[in-house]
Amino acid sequence: PGFAGMTGSAIGNFSCVIYSISLMNCTWQAGRDAPRDTQYFLYWKNSRYDDVMECQRYIKEENGRNLGCRFQNVRIEFEKAYFLVNGSSKDSLIQLYDEYIQLYKI
C-alpha cells in the first residue's frame, strides 16, 4: 500500500482471473473510507520489459465508479505482472495499491 493518502482509502480485495487463455478480468472493492466521489484507475505491466498501460475497458458500478477491468490478449509469462490502482477525489488524497501477481492458466 502507498504511504501518501487517507488511511482506509486504498482499494481492497484485488483479484484477477484468467479465462479462455488470453482474457483476464481484474476486480476490486472501493476503499472503505474513500470519499464517495473517488474514481479508480488501474495501470499494469505484463512483465518488466513491457510499458505500463492503463486499463482500456473498465468494469463500472451503477454510479460510474471503476471497480474492475477487462483485458484481452494477456500473455502468461514466467515473471510476475505488476498492477497498480490509484484513485482521485476532489476532497482528499487516495492511497495507491500495488501488487506483483504471478499469472496462471486457470
N, C-alpha and C. Protein backbone atom coordinates (compact mmCIF):
# COMPACT_ATOMS: atom_id res chain seq x y z
N PRO A 1 0.83 -1.21 0.00
CA PRO A 1 0.00 0.00 0.00
C PRO A 1 0.86 1.26 0.00
N GLY A 2 0.39 2.29 -0.63
CA GLY A 2 1.13 3.55 -0.67
C GLY A 2 1.04 4.26 0.66
N PHE A 3 1.97 5.17 0.90
CA PHE A 3 2.01 5.87 2.18
C PHE A 3 1.21 7.16 2.11
N ALA A 4 1.24 7.84 0.96
CA ALA A 4 0.51 9.10 0.85
C ALA A 4 -0.98 8.78 0.74
N GLY A 5 -1.78 9.62 1.32
CA GLY A 5 -3.22 9.45 1.17
C GLY A 5 -3.89 9.06 2.47
N MET A 6 -5.18 9.19 2.45
CA MET A 6 -6.01 8.98 3.63
C MET A 6 -6.06 7.49 3.98
N THR A 7 -5.88 7.17 5.24
CA THR A 7 -5.96 5.78 5.70
C THR A 7 -7.34 5.21 5.37
N GLY A 8 -7.35 3.98 4.87
CA GLY A 8 -8.62 3.32 4.56
C GLY A 8 -9.19 3.68 3.20
N SER A 9 -8.43 4.48 2.42
CA SER A 9 -8.96 4.90 1.12
C SER A 9 -8.50 4.00 -0.03
N ALA A 10 -7.46 3.18 0.21
CA ALA A 10 -6.98 2.29 -0.86
C ALA A 10 -8.02 1.19 -1.12
N ILE A 11 -7.97 0.66 -2.34
CA ILE A 11 -8.89 -0.42 -2.68
C ILE A 11 -8.62 -1.67 -1.85
N GLY A 12 -9.58 -2.58 -1.84
CA GLY A 12 -9.41 -3.87 -1.19
C GLY A 12 -9.84 -4.99 -2.11
N ASN A 13 -9.56 -6.23 -1.69
CA ASN A 13 -10.00 -7.43 -2.41
C ASN A 13 -9.64 -7.42 -3.89
N PHE A 14 -8.41 -7.05 -4.20
CA PHE A 14 -7.98 -7.05 -5.60
C PHE A 14 -7.73 -8.48 -6.05
N SER A 15 -8.32 -8.87 -7.17
CA SER A 15 -8.04 -10.20 -7.70
C SER A 15 -8.20 -10.21 -9.21
N CYS A 16 -7.50 -11.12 -9.85
CA CYS A 16 -7.55 -11.26 -11.30
C CYS A 16 -7.80 -12.71 -11.65
N VAL A 17 -8.65 -12.93 -12.65
CA VAL A 17 -8.97 -14.27 -13.12
C VAL A 17 -8.72 -14.32 -14.62
N ILE A 18 -8.00 -15.36 -15.06
CA ILE A 18 -7.73 -15.57 -16.48
C ILE A 18 -8.63 -16.68 -16.99
N TYR A 19 -9.23 -16.46 -18.16
CA TYR A 19 -10.07 -17.48 -18.78
C TYR A 19 -9.89 -17.40 -20.29
N SER A 20 -10.26 -18.46 -20.99
CA SER A 20 -10.10 -18.53 -22.45
C SER A 20 -8.68 -18.14 -22.87
N ILE A 21 -7.71 -18.59 -22.14
CA ILE A 21 -6.28 -18.43 -22.41
C ILE A 21 -5.78 -17.00 -22.31
N SER A 22 -6.42 -16.05 -23.01
CA SER A 22 -5.81 -14.72 -23.07
C SER A 22 -6.71 -13.60 -22.56
N LEU A 23 -7.85 -13.95 -21.98
CA LEU A 23 -8.74 -12.94 -21.41
C LEU A 23 -8.57 -12.91 -19.90
N MET A 24 -8.62 -11.73 -19.33
CA MET A 24 -8.45 -11.60 -17.88
C MET A 24 -9.37 -10.52 -17.36
N ASN A 25 -10.02 -10.80 -16.25
CA ASN A 25 -10.79 -9.81 -15.52
C ASN A 25 -10.11 -9.56 -14.18
N CYS A 26 -9.92 -8.29 -13.85
CA CYS A 26 -9.45 -7.92 -12.52
C CYS A 26 -10.55 -7.10 -11.85
N THR A 27 -10.76 -7.36 -10.58
CA THR A 27 -11.80 -6.62 -9.85
C THR A 27 -11.26 -6.19 -8.49
N TRP A 28 -11.92 -5.18 -7.92
CA TRP A 28 -11.54 -4.69 -6.60
C TRP A 28 -12.75 -4.04 -5.95
N GLN A 29 -12.60 -3.74 -4.68
CA GLN A 29 -13.64 -3.01 -3.95
C GLN A 29 -13.12 -1.64 -3.58
N ALA A 30 -14.03 -0.68 -3.54
CA ALA A 30 -13.66 0.68 -3.15
C ALA A 30 -13.13 0.67 -1.72
N GLY A 31 -12.21 1.56 -1.44
CA GLY A 31 -11.69 1.69 -0.08
C GLY A 31 -12.82 2.00 0.89
N ARG A 32 -12.79 1.38 2.06
CA ARG A 32 -13.93 1.51 2.99
C ARG A 32 -14.11 2.94 3.47
N ASP A 33 -13.04 3.71 3.51
CA ASP A 33 -13.15 5.10 3.96
C ASP A 33 -12.92 6.11 2.83
N ALA A 34 -12.93 5.61 1.60
CA ALA A 34 -12.70 6.52 0.46
C ALA A 34 -13.92 7.42 0.28
N PRO A 35 -13.70 8.69 -0.04
CA PRO A 35 -14.85 9.59 -0.29
C PRO A 35 -15.72 9.05 -1.42
N ARG A 36 -16.99 9.43 -1.40
CA ARG A 36 -17.97 8.93 -2.34
C ARG A 36 -17.62 9.25 -3.79
N ASP A 37 -16.89 10.35 -4.00
CA ASP A 37 -16.59 10.75 -5.39
C ASP A 37 -15.30 10.12 -5.92
N THR A 38 -14.70 9.21 -5.15
CA THR A 38 -13.42 8.63 -5.58
C THR A 38 -13.60 7.82 -6.87
N GLN A 39 -12.72 8.08 -7.83
CA GLN A 39 -12.68 7.27 -9.04
C GLN A 39 -11.33 6.55 -9.06
N TYR A 40 -11.34 5.31 -9.51
CA TYR A 40 -10.13 4.48 -9.50
C TYR A 40 -9.61 4.24 -10.92
N PHE A 41 -8.29 4.11 -11.02
CA PHE A 41 -7.62 3.90 -12.30
C PHE A 41 -6.60 2.79 -12.14
N LEU A 42 -6.64 1.82 -13.06
CA LEU A 42 -5.75 0.67 -12.99
C LEU A 42 -4.67 0.78 -14.06
N TYR A 43 -3.44 0.57 -13.65
CA TYR A 43 -2.29 0.51 -14.55
C TYR A 43 -1.61 -0.84 -14.36
N TRP A 44 -1.04 -1.38 -15.43
CA TRP A 44 -0.38 -2.68 -15.26
C TRP A 44 0.71 -2.86 -16.30
N LYS A 45 1.62 -3.78 -16.00
CA LYS A 45 2.63 -4.26 -16.95
C LYS A 45 2.60 -5.77 -16.89
N ASN A 46 2.61 -6.38 -18.07
CA ASN A 46 2.57 -7.84 -18.15
C ASN A 46 3.89 -8.44 -17.67
N SER A 47 4.99 -7.77 -17.98
CA SER A 47 6.30 -8.20 -17.49
C SER A 47 7.18 -6.97 -17.37
N ARG A 48 8.36 -7.15 -16.81
CA ARG A 48 9.19 -5.97 -16.54
C ARG A 48 9.68 -5.30 -17.82
N TYR A 49 9.58 -6.02 -18.95
CA TYR A 49 10.05 -5.45 -20.22
C TYR A 49 8.96 -4.65 -20.93
N ASP A 50 7.74 -4.74 -20.43
CA ASP A 50 6.63 -4.03 -21.07
C ASP A 50 6.49 -2.62 -20.51
N ASP A 51 5.80 -1.80 -21.27
CA ASP A 51 5.44 -0.47 -20.78
C ASP A 51 4.22 -0.60 -19.85
N VAL A 52 4.10 0.36 -18.95
CA VAL A 52 2.91 0.41 -18.10
C VAL A 52 1.74 0.90 -18.96
N MET A 53 0.62 0.20 -18.87
CA MET A 53 -0.56 0.56 -19.65
C MET A 53 -1.74 0.79 -18.73
N GLU A 54 -2.60 1.73 -19.09
CA GLU A 54 -3.83 1.91 -18.33
C GLU A 54 -4.89 0.97 -18.88
N CYS A 55 -5.77 0.54 -18.01
CA CYS A 55 -6.93 -0.26 -18.42
C CYS A 55 -7.68 0.44 -19.54
N GLN A 56 -8.08 -0.34 -20.55
CA GLN A 56 -8.86 0.21 -21.67
C GLN A 56 -10.37 -0.03 -21.50
N ARG A 57 -10.74 -1.05 -20.76
CA ARG A 57 -12.16 -1.41 -20.63
C ARG A 57 -12.50 -1.62 -19.16
N TYR A 58 -12.89 -0.54 -18.49
CA TYR A 58 -13.23 -0.63 -17.07
C TYR A 58 -14.58 -1.31 -16.87
N ILE A 59 -14.70 -2.03 -15.76
CA ILE A 59 -15.97 -2.56 -15.29
C ILE A 59 -16.49 -1.54 -14.29
N LYS A 60 -17.67 -1.00 -14.56
CA LYS A 60 -18.18 0.09 -13.72
C LYS A 60 -19.39 -0.37 -12.90
N GLU A 61 -19.53 0.23 -11.71
CA GLU A 61 -20.75 0.01 -10.94
C GLU A 61 -21.79 1.01 -11.40
N GLU A 62 -22.98 0.93 -10.81
CA GLU A 62 -24.09 1.77 -11.31
C GLU A 62 -23.82 3.27 -11.19
N ASN A 63 -23.00 3.67 -10.25
CA ASN A 63 -22.68 5.10 -10.10
C ASN A 63 -21.54 5.55 -11.01
N GLY A 64 -21.04 4.63 -11.85
CA GLY A 64 -19.98 5.01 -12.78
C GLY A 64 -18.58 4.86 -12.22
N ARG A 65 -18.47 4.34 -11.01
CA ARG A 65 -17.14 4.15 -10.42
C ARG A 65 -16.48 2.90 -10.99
N ASN A 66 -15.20 3.00 -11.34
CA ASN A 66 -14.47 1.85 -11.87
C ASN A 66 -14.16 0.87 -10.74
N LEU A 67 -14.62 -0.37 -10.90
CA LEU A 67 -14.35 -1.41 -9.89
C LEU A 67 -13.77 -2.66 -10.52
N GLY A 68 -13.25 -2.53 -11.73
CA GLY A 68 -12.64 -3.67 -12.36
C GLY A 68 -12.17 -3.31 -13.76
N CYS A 69 -11.52 -4.28 -14.40
CA CYS A 69 -11.02 -4.08 -15.75
C CYS A 69 -11.07 -5.39 -16.50
N ARG A 70 -11.43 -5.31 -17.79
CA ARG A 70 -11.39 -6.47 -18.69
C ARG A 70 -10.20 -6.32 -19.61
N PHE A 71 -9.39 -7.37 -19.69
CA PHE A 71 -8.21 -7.36 -20.55
C PHE A 71 -8.35 -8.41 -21.64
N GLN A 72 -7.77 -8.12 -22.80
CA GLN A 72 -7.68 -9.09 -23.88
C GLN A 72 -6.21 -9.29 -24.22
N ASN A 73 -5.92 -10.40 -24.86
CA ASN A 73 -4.56 -10.67 -25.35
C ASN A 73 -3.51 -10.65 -24.25
N VAL A 74 -3.85 -11.22 -23.11
CA VAL A 74 -2.91 -11.30 -22.00
C VAL A 74 -1.97 -12.48 -22.23
N ARG A 75 -0.69 -12.26 -22.04
CA ARG A 75 0.28 -13.36 -22.16
C ARG A 75 0.58 -13.92 -20.78
N ILE A 76 0.69 -15.24 -20.70
CA ILE A 76 1.14 -15.88 -19.46
C ILE A 76 2.67 -15.89 -19.50
N GLU A 77 3.29 -15.18 -18.57
CA GLU A 77 4.75 -15.07 -18.52
C GLU A 77 5.26 -15.83 -17.31
N PHE A 78 6.57 -16.09 -17.32
CA PHE A 78 7.18 -16.67 -16.12
C PHE A 78 7.27 -15.62 -15.03
N GLU A 79 7.38 -14.38 -15.45
CA GLU A 79 7.52 -13.30 -14.49
C GLU A 79 6.17 -12.88 -13.92
N LYS A 80 6.24 -12.16 -12.85
CA LYS A 80 5.02 -11.62 -12.25
C LYS A 80 4.59 -10.36 -13.00
N ALA A 81 3.30 -10.22 -13.14
CA ALA A 81 2.74 -8.99 -13.71
C ALA A 81 2.60 -7.98 -12.58
N TYR A 82 2.73 -6.70 -12.93
CA TYR A 82 2.63 -5.63 -11.94
C TYR A 82 1.32 -4.88 -12.15
N PHE A 83 0.60 -4.67 -11.05
CA PHE A 83 -0.67 -3.94 -11.08
C PHE A 83 -0.62 -2.78 -10.10
N LEU A 84 -1.17 -1.66 -10.50
CA LEU A 84 -1.25 -0.50 -9.62
C LEU A 84 -2.63 0.12 -9.80
N VAL A 85 -3.32 0.34 -8.69
CA VAL A 85 -4.61 1.04 -8.75
C VAL A 85 -4.49 2.29 -7.90
N ASN A 86 -4.72 3.45 -8.53
CA ASN A 86 -4.76 4.67 -7.74
C ASN A 86 -6.14 5.29 -7.87
N GLY A 87 -6.39 6.26 -7.04
CA GLY A 87 -7.71 6.88 -7.04
C GLY A 87 -7.59 8.38 -6.98
N SER A 88 -8.64 9.05 -7.42
CA SER A 88 -8.67 10.50 -7.29
C SER A 88 -10.01 10.93 -6.71
N SER A 89 -9.93 11.96 -5.87
CA SER A 89 -11.11 12.52 -5.23
C SER A 89 -10.83 14.01 -5.08
N LYS A 90 -11.87 14.82 -5.20
CA LYS A 90 -11.61 16.25 -5.02
C LYS A 90 -11.40 16.61 -3.56
N ASP A 91 -11.79 15.69 -2.66
CA ASP A 91 -11.72 16.01 -1.23
C ASP A 91 -10.42 15.58 -0.55
N SER A 92 -9.83 14.48 -1.00
CA SER A 92 -8.66 14.00 -0.27
C SER A 92 -7.76 13.16 -1.16
N LEU A 93 -6.53 12.94 -0.70
CA LEU A 93 -5.59 12.07 -1.39
C LEU A 93 -5.99 10.63 -1.13
N ILE A 94 -5.98 9.82 -2.19
CA ILE A 94 -6.35 8.41 -2.08
C ILE A 94 -5.07 7.58 -2.12
N GLN A 95 -4.96 6.63 -1.21
CA GLN A 95 -3.79 5.76 -1.19
C GLN A 95 -3.77 4.88 -2.43
N LEU A 96 -2.57 4.66 -2.97
CA LEU A 96 -2.50 3.72 -4.09
C LEU A 96 -2.28 2.31 -3.56
N TYR A 97 -2.63 1.36 -4.41
CA TYR A 97 -2.46 -0.05 -4.11
C TYR A 97 -1.63 -0.63 -5.24
N ASP A 98 -0.60 -1.40 -4.91
CA ASP A 98 0.11 -2.09 -5.99
C ASP A 98 0.53 -3.47 -5.55
N GLU A 99 0.69 -4.34 -6.55
CA GLU A 99 0.98 -5.74 -6.25
C GLU A 99 1.60 -6.39 -7.48
N TYR A 100 2.53 -7.32 -7.21
CA TYR A 100 3.06 -8.19 -8.26
C TYR A 100 2.33 -9.52 -8.16
N ILE A 101 1.78 -10.00 -9.29
CA ILE A 101 0.98 -11.22 -9.27
C ILE A 101 1.50 -12.17 -10.34
N GLN A 102 1.69 -13.42 -9.95
CA GLN A 102 2.04 -14.45 -10.92
C GLN A 102 0.76 -14.89 -11.62
N LEU A 103 0.72 -14.73 -12.93
CA LEU A 103 -0.48 -15.11 -13.68
C LEU A 103 -0.40 -16.57 -14.08
N TYR A 104 -1.45 -17.30 -13.82
CA TYR A 104 -1.50 -18.72 -14.15
C TYR A 104 -2.66 -18.99 -15.08
N LYS A 105 -2.52 -20.01 -15.87
CA LYS A 105 -3.69 -20.51 -16.60
C LYS A 105 -4.60 -21.19 -15.59
N ILE A 106 -5.86 -20.90 -15.68
CA ILE A 106 -6.83 -21.45 -14.72
C ILE A 106 -7.64 -22.54 -15.41
